[in-house]
Amino acid sequence: MNTDPLAPLMFAVLFLLLFVGYPVAFVLGGVALVFGSLALAGDAVNVTYLQLLPARVFGIMENQVLLAIPFFIFMGTMLERSRLAEDLLRTIGLLFGRRPGGLALAVVFVGALLAAATGVVGASVVAMGLISLPIMRRYGYRAELATGVICASGTLGQIIPPSIVLVVLADQLGESVGDLFLGALVPGLLLAVLYAVYVAFIAARRPQDAPPLPEEERAAIPHLGRQVLRVLAPPLLLILVVLGSIFAGVATPTEAGALGAVGAIALAAINRRLTRANLNATMESTLRITSMVVFLLVGSTAFTLVFRGLEGDLWIEHHLTNLPGGKIGLLLVANIAVFLLGFFIDFFEIAFIVLPLIAPAARALGIVDDEMIWFAVLLAMNLQTSFLTPPFGFSLFYLRGVAPREIPTSSIYRGAIPFICIQLIGLGLVWMFPSLVTGMLRD
């Protein structure tokens, strides 16, 4: 097909600037302005698309679905500030610590619980790194296993609902957030189980790499069962209220997010950890992350409109719909592209740049309704690997920032490799068995 040469050039310039390291939101908006001006000067752009930009920006501000993002960020940050992770890790660590690999299994369990309660990867990795890593190292855990399980378990917040990335994917693909939450639930728990199986296998094969806690440590809390119940009940209740209200159709994700934010404040108050400093820090973090998301959305909207004005979307769709293998070919290329991009840019950038280009081709090939939810979950699991893939995996950076100096960065990178492979195995299982996603969806 005949395509204006500005469209592929615009695409190439975008990725060149991203890889150089310029801020993503400004690159998207800047490239759109430059190429929009060039195209208008040469009468090469459909001005109708440019005229839509103001309306699209106001549409972003009025989008009720996106309002769930600051609510979930606030909920997760407030729970992290109230030291929920600290209480969980210490108590569950003692509960599981009597067997080889018990501390690592506790990290997986708490990582899954924090994912469902907070959905904030950075907070989970930092909390587990500060609390669990020194304990695991003190009792002889191999550095690669300890760091790998912390980084991987922290990333579960990207796939286990309520996840910010799932809200973004639902918005970009025009799908229901509730359906995407439902579809991602089993794959997210599946990944946690695969992590636990790997840890159990390593502990059984090389118990010296993951020794049990000494008896005197386990005896430190005389009524351990009562303490476990006290620590587990509040976050489980909050998860049940937030996710249960969404799955039952009682509340929208935005309403459930607001409820979760209020619940997080209540839990902090009950634990006597609701201070002005914690509240201010939570609001500042929420504002910072939400502002980043909105700027990315505005920039990606401007880029998409100019790109469509240059008929670049038709160029992309033509190539993707004519791949060998049809639907399977598109799924394969899309997932390979997302995985490779994850080595260099983060999940927000991939979601806002790549998804609007892939989605039309997917629909043209008949990927709709439940299949689109399955496709979105595949992409979400793939995006999750971007937190672990060096050199720019954010979980690796988060842990490096709190890990002791005696643990080299190379050990953190090596520790992540088995868990990247496990994530790819999980991705393959969801690909082969779509019912893991579609079986949970409402009729």
Protein backbone atom coordinates (compact mmCIF):
# COMPACT_ATOMS: atom_id res chain seq x y z
CA MET A 1 0.00 0.00 0.00
CA ASN A 2 1.08 3.60 -0.58
CA THR A 3 1.92 5.39 2.64
CA ASP A 4 3.15 8.90 3.28
CA PRO A 5 6.86 8.52 4.13
CA LEU A 6 6.37 10.80 7.14
CA ALA A 7 4.41 8.07 8.97
CA PRO A 8 7.19 5.45 9.17
CA LEU A 9 9.74 8.22 9.76
CA MET A 10 7.62 9.53 12.66
CA PHE A 11 7.52 6.03 14.14
CA ALA A 12 11.30 5.62 13.80
CA VAL A 13 12.09 9.04 15.31
CA LEU A 14 9.84 8.28 18.29
CA PHE A 15 11.69 5.08 19.23
CA LEU A 16 15.09 6.64 18.53
CA LEU A 17 14.39 9.44 21.02
CA LEU A 18 12.98 6.96 23.56
CA PHE A 19 16.08 4.80 23.44
CA VAL A 20 18.30 7.88 23.78
CA GLY A 21 16.54 8.53 27.08
CA TYR A 22 14.35 11.61 26.64
CA PRO A 23 11.20 11.84 28.83
CA VAL A 24 8.46 9.80 27.19
CA ALA A 25 5.52 12.17 27.60
CA PHE A 26 7.46 15.07 26.08
CA VAL A 27 8.84 12.90 23.27
CA LEU A 28 5.33 11.81 22.30
CA GLY A 29 3.95 15.35 22.32
CA GLY A 30 7.05 16.89 20.74
CA VAL A 31 7.24 14.39 17.87
CA ALA A 32 3.52 14.90 17.25
CA LEU A 33 3.93 18.69 17.06
CA VAL A 34 6.99 18.55 14.79
CA PHE A 35 5.56 16.02 12.34
CA GLY A 36 2.12 17.61 12.47
CA SER A 37 3.68 20.93 11.45
CA LEU A 38 5.72 19.30 8.68
CA ALA A 39 2.67 17.46 7.39
CA LEU A 40 0.47 20.58 7.43
CA ALA A 41 3.13 22.51 5.56
CA GLY A 42 3.09 19.87 2.86
CA ASP A 43 -0.68 19.26 2.98
CA ALA A 44 0.02 15.64 3.90
CA VAL A 45 -2.10 15.32 7.02
CA ASN A 46 -5.83 14.88 7.54
CA VAL A 47 -6.59 18.01 9.60
CA THR A 48 -9.74 16.40 10.98
CA TYR A 49 -7.60 14.33 13.32
CA LEU A 50 -5.72 17.40 14.56
CA GLN A 51 -9.00 19.19 15.24
CA LEU A 52 -9.99 16.31 17.54
CA LEU A 53 -7.05 16.90 19.90
CA PRO A 54 -8.71 19.41 22.29
CA ALA A 55 -11.79 17.21 22.60
CA ARG A 56 -9.63 14.15 23.25
CA VAL A 57 -7.64 15.93 25.98
CA PHE A 58 -10.83 16.99 27.73
CA GLY A 59 -12.11 13.43 27.27
CA ILE A 60 -9.07 12.14 29.19
CA MET A 61 -9.83 14.52 32.05
CA GLU A 62 -13.48 13.38 32.13
CA ASN A 63 -12.77 9.65 31.86
CA GLN A 64 -14.37 7.98 34.88
CA VAL A 65 -12.44 4.74 34.31
CA LEU A 66 -9.09 6.50 34.69
CA LEU A 67 -10.25 7.95 38.00
CA ALA A 68 -9.70 4.47 39.45
CA ILE A 69 -5.93 4.92 39.02
CA PRO A 70 -5.37 7.58 41.72
CA PHE A 71 -7.73 5.73 44.07
CA PHE A 72 -5.81 2.45 43.77
CA ILE A 73 -2.46 4.27 44.02
CA PHE A 74 -3.65 6.04 47.17
CA MET A 75 -4.91 2.76 48.66
CA GLY A 76 -1.64 0.95 48.00
CA THR A 77 0.60 3.77 49.18
CA MET A 78 -1.39 4.29 52.37
CA LEU A 79 -1.23 0.57 53.18
CA GLU A 80 2.51 0.60 52.56
CA ARG A 81 2.92 3.65 54.80
CA SER A 82 0.92 1.93 57.54
CA ARG A 83 3.59 -0.86 57.51
CA LEU A 84 1.17 -3.57 56.44
CA ALA A 85 3.97 -5.32 54.51
CA GLU A 86 6.23 -5.28 57.55
CA ASP A 87 3.61 -6.96 59.77
CA LEU A 88 2.77 -9.54 57.12
CA LEU A 89 6.35 -10.47 56.27
CA ARG A 90 7.47 -10.94 59.85
CA THR A 91 4.46 -13.01 60.87
CA ILE A 92 4.13 -15.15 57.73
CA GLY A 93 7.92 -15.59 57.68
CA LEU A 94 7.77 -17.18 61.13
CA LEU A 95 4.79 -19.31 60.08
CA PHE A 96 6.53 -20.75 56.99
CA GLY A 97 10.09 -20.58 58.32
CA ARG A 98 10.18 -24.02 59.93
CA ARG A 99 10.91 -25.72 56.59
CA PRO A 100 13.67 -25.20 54.00
CA GLY A 101 12.69 -22.38 51.65
CA GLY A 102 10.02 -21.24 54.11
CA LEU A 103 11.13 -17.61 54.16
CA ALA A 104 11.12 -17.45 50.35
CA LEU A 105 7.66 -19.06 50.25
CA ALA A 106 6.51 -16.43 52.73
CA VAL A 107 7.78 -13.71 50.39
CA VAL A 108 5.78 -15.21 47.50
CA PHE A 109 2.65 -15.46 49.66
CA VAL A 110 2.99 -11.92 50.99
CA GLY A 111 3.86 -10.63 47.50
CA ALA A 112 0.59 -12.06 46.16
CA LEU A 113 -1.34 -10.64 49.10
CA LEU A 114 0.25 -7.21 48.73
CA ALA A 115 -0.48 -7.32 44.99
CA ALA A 116 -4.18 -7.77 45.70
CA ALA A 117 -4.14 -5.25 48.54
CA THR A 118 -1.94 -2.52 47.05
CA GLY A 119 -1.01 -3.16 43.40
CA VAL A 120 2.10 -0.95 43.81
CA VAL A 121 5.23 -2.78 42.62
CA GLY A 122 7.79 -0.32 43.97
CA ALA A 123 6.32 -0.32 47.47
CA SER A 124 6.15 -4.14 47.58
CA VAL A 125 9.73 -4.69 46.37
CA VAL A 126 11.19 -2.03 48.67
CA ALA A 127 9.27 -3.27 51.72
CA MET A 128 10.22 -6.91 51.14
CA GLY A 129 13.80 -5.93 50.34
CA LEU A 130 14.18 -3.95 53.56
CA ILE A 131 12.53 -6.54 55.80
CA SER A 132 13.04 -10.00 54.29
CA LEU A 133 16.37 -9.73 52.48
CA PRO A 134 18.51 -9.11 55.62
CA ILE A 135 16.77 -12.00 57.42
CA MET A 136 17.23 -14.41 54.51
CA ARG A 137 20.87 -13.47 54.16
CA ARG A 138 21.44 -13.75 57.93
CA TYR A 139 20.24 -17.35 57.93
CA GLY A 140 22.21 -18.42 54.86
CA TYR A 141 19.96 -17.93 51.83
CA ARG A 142 21.83 -17.75 48.54
CA ALA A 143 21.86 -14.12 47.34
CA GLU A 144 20.49 -14.95 43.87
CA LEU A 145 17.49 -16.85 45.25
CA ALA A 146 16.70 -14.23 47.90
CA THR A 147 16.89 -11.26 45.52
CA GLY A 148 15.14 -13.07 42.67
CA VAL A 149 12.13 -14.13 44.71
CA ILE A 150 11.72 -10.61 46.16
CA CYS A 151 11.88 -8.91 42.74
CA ALA A 152 9.53 -11.43 41.13
CA SER A 153 6.98 -11.49 43.94
CA GLY A 154 6.87 -7.70 43.92
CA THR A 155 5.88 -7.68 40.25
CA LEU A 156 2.71 -9.68 40.97
CA GLY A 157 1.05 -6.31 41.57
CA GLN A 158 1.05 -5.83 37.79
CA ILE A 159 -1.17 -8.83 37.04
CA ILE A 160 -3.16 -9.62 40.19
CA PRO A 161 -6.11 -7.20 40.43
CA PRO A 162 -6.61 -4.41 41.32
CA SER A 163 -3.66 -3.55 39.07
CA ILE A 164 -2.97 -0.12 37.58
CA VAL A 165 -1.65 -1.68 34.37
CA LEU A 166 -4.94 -3.56 33.92
CA VAL A 167 -6.87 -0.28 34.23
CA VAL A 168 -4.60 1.29 31.59
CA LEU A 169 -4.94 -1.72 29.26
CA ALA A 170 -8.72 -1.69 29.60
CA ASP A 171 -8.83 2.01 28.73
CA GLN A 172 -6.49 1.68 25.75
CA LEU A 173 -8.31 -1.36 24.36
CA GLY A 174 -11.80 -0.05 25.12
CA GLU A 175 -12.66 -3.05 27.31
CA SER A 176 -14.34 -3.39 30.71
CA VAL A 177 -11.99 -2.99 33.67
CA GLY A 178 -14.10 -5.44 35.69
CA ASP A 179 -13.84 -8.10 32.98
CA LEU A 180 -10.09 -7.60 32.73
CA PHE A 181 -9.76 -7.91 36.51
CA LEU A 182 -11.75 -11.15 36.41
CA GLY A 183 -9.75 -12.52 33.50
CA ALA A 184 -6.39 -11.73 35.11
CA LEU A 185 -7.19 -13.25 38.50
CA VAL A 186 -6.37 -16.91 37.73
CA PRO A 187 -3.24 -16.16 35.61
CA GLY A 188 -1.92 -13.91 38.39
CA LEU A 189 -2.43 -16.59 41.03
CA LEU A 190 -0.95 -19.15 38.63
CA LEU A 191 2.27 -17.14 38.48
CA ALA A 192 2.43 -17.02 42.28
CA VAL A 193 2.00 -20.81 42.40
CA LEU A 194 4.75 -21.29 39.79
CA TYR A 195 7.09 -19.10 41.85
CA ALA A 196 6.30 -21.17 44.95
CA VAL A 197 6.88 -24.44 43.09
CA TYR A 198 10.28 -23.21 41.90
CA VAL A 199 11.26 -22.15 45.43
CA ALA A 200 10.13 -25.50 46.85
CA PHE A 201 12.11 -27.34 44.14
CA ILE A 202 15.31 -25.37 44.89
CA ALA A 203 14.84 -25.88 48.65
CA ALA A 204 14.37 -29.64 48.20
CA ARG A 205 17.31 -29.99 45.81
CA ARG A 206 19.74 -27.63 47.56
CA PRO A 207 18.51 -27.05 51.14
CA GLN A 208 21.73 -25.23 51.98
CA ASP A 209 20.61 -22.43 49.62
CA ALA A 210 17.36 -21.91 51.57
CA PRO A 211 17.71 -23.16 55.15
CA PRO A 212 14.87 -23.10 57.72
CA LEU A 213 14.71 -20.60 60.57
CA PRO A 214 16.26 -21.66 63.89
CA GLU A 215 13.83 -22.91 66.52
CA GLU A 216 14.51 -19.96 68.80
CA GLU A 217 13.33 -17.54 66.10
CA ARG A 218 10.07 -19.42 65.61
CA ALA A 219 9.46 -19.42 69.36
CA ALA A 220 9.73 -15.62 69.51
CA ILE A 221 5.94 -15.27 69.17
CA PRO A 222 4.19 -17.70 71.56
CA HIS A 223 0.70 -17.39 70.04
CA LEU A 224 1.67 -17.44 66.36
CA GLY A 225 -1.74 -18.60 65.07
CA ARG A 226 -3.50 -15.73 66.80
CA GLN A 227 -0.93 -13.25 65.45
CA VAL A 228 -1.33 -14.60 61.90
CA LEU A 229 -5.09 -14.15 62.10
CA ARG A 230 -4.72 -10.61 63.45
CA VAL A 231 -2.32 -9.62 60.68
CA LEU A 232 -4.09 -11.38 57.80
CA ALA A 233 -7.71 -10.48 58.54
CA PRO A 234 -7.61 -6.71 57.76
CA PRO A 235 -5.97 -6.88 54.30
CA LEU A 236 -8.06 -9.93 53.33
CA LEU A 237 -11.22 -8.07 54.32
CA LEU A 238 -10.17 -5.04 52.27
CA ILE A 239 -9.37 -7.24 49.25
CA LEU A 240 -12.75 -8.98 49.59
CA VAL A 241 -14.61 -5.67 49.75
CA VAL A 242 -12.77 -4.03 46.84
CA LEU A 243 -12.53 -6.95 44.40
CA GLY A 244 -15.77 -8.58 45.56
CA SER A 245 -17.77 -5.44 44.88
CA ILE A 246 -16.30 -5.23 41.35
CA PHE A 247 -16.78 -8.93 40.51
CA ALA A 248 -20.32 -8.95 41.90
CA GLY A 249 -21.21 -5.92 39.80
CA VAL A 250 -22.16 -3.94 42.90
CA ALA A 251 -19.59 -1.19 42.27
CA THR A 252 -17.60 0.11 39.32
CA PRO A 253 -13.80 -0.10 39.56
CA THR A 254 -13.73 3.63 40.27
CA GLU A 255 -16.23 3.30 43.12
CA ALA A 256 -14.41 0.25 44.48
CA GLY A 257 -11.12 2.16 44.30
CA ALA A 258 -12.62 5.01 46.33
CA LEU A 259 -13.89 2.47 48.84
CA GLY A 260 -10.43 0.90 49.02
CA ALA A 261 -8.81 4.29 49.63
CA VAL A 262 -11.18 4.94 52.53
CA GLY A 263 -10.57 1.39 53.82
CA ALA A 264 -6.80 1.93 53.72
CA ILE A 265 -7.17 5.11 55.78
CA ALA A 266 -9.36 3.20 58.25
CA LEU A 267 -6.79 0.39 58.59
CA ALA A 268 -3.99 2.89 59.16
CA ALA A 269 -6.10 4.61 61.83
CA ILE A 270 -6.97 1.30 63.56
CA ASN A 271 -3.25 0.45 63.71
CA ARG A 272 -2.53 3.95 65.05
CA ARG A 273 -0.34 4.76 62.06
CA LEU A 274 -2.47 7.44 60.42
CA THR A 275 -0.26 10.49 60.85
CA ARG A 276 -0.15 13.81 59.03
CA ALA A 277 3.26 12.89 57.60
CA ASN A 278 1.97 9.56 56.23
CA LEU A 279 -1.12 11.21 54.75
CA ASN A 280 0.91 13.98 53.09
CA ALA A 281 3.43 11.48 51.68
CA THR A 282 0.62 9.30 50.34
CA MET A 283 -1.11 12.22 48.64
CA GLU A 284 2.17 13.45 47.16
CA SER A 285 2.99 10.00 45.75
CA THR A 286 -0.52 9.63 44.34
CA LEU A 287 -0.35 13.06 42.71
CA ARG A 288 3.08 12.37 41.19
CA ILE A 289 2.18 9.01 39.64
CA THR A 290 -1.24 10.17 38.45
CA SER A 291 0.27 13.26 36.83
CA MET A 292 2.77 11.08 35.00
CA VAL A 293 -0.03 8.87 33.67
CA VAL A 294 -2.09 11.87 32.51
CA PHE A 295 0.88 13.48 30.75
CA LEU A 296 1.62 10.18 29.02
CA LEU A 297 -2.01 9.93 27.93
CA VAL A 298 -2.07 13.46 26.52
CA GLY A 299 1.23 12.92 24.70
CA SER A 300 0.18 9.54 23.31
CA THR A 301 -3.16 10.99 22.19
CA ALA A 302 -1.41 13.77 20.27
CA PHE A 303 1.00 11.27 18.70
CA THR A 304 -1.80 8.88 17.72
CA LEU A 305 -3.90 11.62 16.12
CA VAL A 306 -1.03 12.93 13.97
CA PHE A 307 0.02 9.38 13.10
CA ARG A 308 -3.53 8.59 11.97
CA GLY A 309 -3.67 11.85 10.02
CA LEU A 310 -0.65 10.57 8.11
CA GLU A 311 -2.45 7.22 7.66
CA GLY A 312 0.24 5.55 9.73
CA ASP A 313 -2.39 3.47 11.50
CA LEU A 314 -3.43 1.98 8.15
CA TRP A 315 0.23 1.26 7.40
CA ILE A 316 0.67 -0.57 10.72
CA GLU A 317 -2.65 -2.42 10.36
CA HIS A 318 -1.80 -3.49 6.81
CA HIS A 319 1.47 -5.06 7.91
CA LEU A 320 0.04 -6.70 11.04
CA THR A 321 -3.04 -8.17 9.33
CA ASN A 322 -0.93 -9.61 6.50
CA LEU A 323 1.49 -11.51 8.71
CA PRO A 324 1.89 -15.23 8.03
CA GLY A 325 -0.47 -17.19 10.25
CA GLY A 326 -3.11 -14.48 10.53
CA LYS A 327 -4.34 -14.17 14.12
CA ILE A 328 -1.59 -16.41 15.55
CA GLY A 329 1.04 -14.44 13.65
CA LEU A 330 -0.24 -11.16 15.11
CA LEU A 331 -0.30 -12.57 18.65
CA LEU A 332 3.25 -13.88 18.25
CA VAL A 333 4.68 -10.67 16.79
CA ALA A 334 2.84 -8.46 19.30
CA ASN A 335 4.10 -10.47 22.30
CA ILE A 336 7.68 -10.67 20.98
CA ALA A 337 7.67 -6.91 20.35
CA VAL A 338 6.31 -6.15 23.84
CA PHE A 339 8.83 -8.51 25.47
CA LEU A 340 11.80 -6.96 23.63
CA LEU A 341 10.63 -3.40 24.29
CA GLY A 342 10.40 -4.31 27.99
CA PHE A 343 14.21 -4.48 28.11
CA PHE A 344 14.43 -0.75 27.38
CA ILE A 345 11.18 1.07 28.28
CA ASP A 346 8.61 0.59 31.03
CA PHE A 347 5.08 -0.79 30.86
CA PHE A 348 3.32 2.60 30.79
CA GLU A 349 5.27 3.68 27.74
CA ILE A 350 4.63 0.38 25.94
CA ALA A 351 0.92 0.50 26.79
CA PHE A 352 0.42 4.04 25.54
CA ILE A 353 2.54 3.70 22.39
CA VAL A 354 2.13 0.14 21.15
CA LEU A 355 -1.41 -0.85 22.18
CA PRO A 356 -3.25 1.82 20.14
CA LEU A 357 -1.38 0.53 17.08
CA ILE A 358 -1.97 -3.17 17.76
CA ALA A 359 -5.63 -3.02 18.82
CA PRO A 360 -7.16 -2.10 15.39
CA ALA A 361 -5.27 -4.93 13.69
CA ALA A 362 -6.38 -7.38 16.38
CA ARG A 363 -10.03 -6.41 15.89
CA ALA A 364 -9.65 -6.63 12.11
CA LEU A 365 -8.51 -10.24 12.53
CA GLY A 366 -11.51 -11.09 14.70
CA ILE A 367 -9.99 -10.79 18.18
CA VAL A 368 -13.03 -9.38 19.97
CA ASP A 369 -15.11 -9.83 23.15
CA ASP A 370 -13.67 -12.59 25.41
CA GLU A 371 -10.72 -13.11 23.05
CA MET A 372 -9.74 -9.46 23.44
CA ILE A 373 -9.76 -9.87 27.24
CA TRP A 374 -7.53 -12.94 26.80
CA PHE A 375 -5.25 -10.93 24.46
CA ALA A 376 -5.08 -8.12 27.05
CA VAL A 377 -4.14 -10.54 29.84
CA LEU A 378 -1.39 -12.01 27.65
CA LEU A 379 -0.02 -8.53 27.10
CA ALA A 380 -0.30 -7.71 30.82
CA MET A 381 1.70 -10.83 31.74
CA ASN A 382 4.23 -9.91 29.08
CA LEU A 383 4.45 -6.33 30.34
CA GLN A 384 5.13 -7.73 33.80
CA THR A 385 8.45 -9.12 32.58
CA SER A 386 9.61 -5.55 31.85
CA PHE A 387 10.09 -5.12 35.61
CA LEU A 388 12.62 -7.96 35.70
CA THR A 389 14.46 -7.77 32.37
CA PRO A 390 17.84 -6.03 32.58
CA PRO A 391 19.21 -3.50 32.03
CA PHE A 392 16.20 -1.30 32.92
CA GLY A 393 13.96 -3.60 35.00
CA PHE A 394 12.42 -1.35 37.64
CA SER A 395 12.13 -4.11 40.26
CA LEU A 396 15.88 -4.64 39.92
CA PHE A 397 16.45 -0.92 40.48
CA TYR A 398 14.08 -0.80 43.47
CA LEU A 399 15.85 -3.71 45.16
CA ARG A 400 19.33 -2.40 44.31
CA GLY A 401 18.40 0.80 46.16
CA VAL A 402 17.71 -1.02 49.45
CA ALA A 403 19.91 -4.13 49.18
CA PRO A 404 23.11 -4.34 51.30
CA ARG A 405 26.31 -3.26 49.56
CA GLU A 406 27.81 -6.75 49.86
CA ILE A 407 25.22 -8.08 47.39
CA PRO A 408 26.53 -7.17 43.91
CA THR A 409 24.20 -5.95 41.19
CA SER A 410 25.18 -8.96 39.09
CA SER A 411 23.65 -11.26 41.76
CA ILE A 412 20.36 -9.35 41.57
CA TYR A 413 20.34 -9.66 37.78
CA ARG A 414 21.21 -13.37 37.88
CA GLY A 415 18.54 -13.98 40.51
CA ALA A 416 15.86 -12.50 38.23
CA ILE A 417 16.62 -14.77 35.25
CA PRO A 418 14.84 -17.95 36.51
CA PHE A 419 11.76 -15.91 37.35
CA ILE A 420 11.72 -14.32 33.89
CA CYS A 421 11.68 -17.87 32.51
CA ILE A 422 8.82 -18.77 34.89
CA GLN A 423 6.85 -15.73 33.71
CA LEU A 424 7.34 -16.86 30.11
CA ILE A 425 6.15 -20.36 31.07
CA GLY A 426 3.06 -18.78 32.67
CA LEU A 427 2.52 -16.73 29.52
CA GLY A 428 2.76 -19.90 27.44
CA LEU A 429 0.21 -21.70 29.63
CA VAL A 430 -2.28 -18.84 29.32
CA TRP A 431 -1.68 -18.83 25.54
CA MET A 432 -2.32 -22.58 25.28
CA PHE A 433 -5.29 -22.56 27.67
CA PRO A 434 -7.37 -19.41 27.06
CA SER A 435 -10.03 -20.78 29.44
CA LEU A 436 -7.72 -19.73 32.30
CA VAL A 437 -8.88 -16.23 31.38
CA THR A 438 -12.22 -16.62 29.62
CA GLY A 439 -13.54 -19.19 32.10
CA MET A 440 -13.80 -16.48 34.75
CA LEU A 441 -15.72 -13.98 32.64
CA ARG A 442 -19.37 -13.23 33.23
CA ASP A 443 -21.82 -14.37 30.59
